[in-house]
Amino acid sequence: MSNIFQTLELEAFRNGIQARTKESRAWFRKKAADLGKINRNALMREQPLNITRRKDTPEIGSMYMFFYDPKYKDVLPFYDQFPLIIMVSPAENGFVGLNLHYLPPTLRAKLLDGLMDNTSNKKFDETTKFRISYQILQRSSKLKYFRPCYKRYLTTHVKSRLAQVESPEWEIATFLPTAQWANAGAGTVYRSSRELII
């Protein structure tokens, strides 16, 4: 399989798409929707992703993808087995993250627009992180779509190492069709998310 990140970055460059703009987010959203099925195991091994060690603590403000098996999966109306999160904070026996998959792509783009305005710097290299906390999310009208994404994860139920998505790849990763829903389909998840936002 060709590297999805490199393929989309090269195609964007050839089309004159400037990275980290509303135009680029719209372009990546459309392109990612056309990709079809993605092999998640292969994706986790792709070049721009940085696989963390088991003992590493996820960094606040970084983006990660991983496989997950919830403790209470039998009673949850639905859950994502392959979250794409922005790390918000540590929590007892785990961590809290914004799982972007819980939003339909149009609302995901709007949330990402607000998040991209709130980064530690504008270099978009390994030093760049989202400036994020529950208080920041609550206060900003640009981030009002965060509520359905705000999830707690137990470390013992993470079923893979975390793959850190570096900041140049945030836009691509956000729109890749990698959510793996259980107990319900994407339509049900998105309807529930819209109700939470309202």
Foldseek 3Di string as FASTA:
>chain_A
DDQPLVVVVVVCVVVVHDPPDLVVLVVLLVVLVPPPDDDVVVNLPHDQWDFDDLPDDDDQQWWWWFAFDDPPVVPDLKDWRIFTWHWAAADVQFGKTFRLLLADSVVSSQQVNVQSVAWPDDPQFQVIGGPHYPVVLVPDPSNLLRVLRIDTGHSVGGPGTIIIRGRSCVSNVSNNPRTDMPNDDSVVSNVVSVVVSD
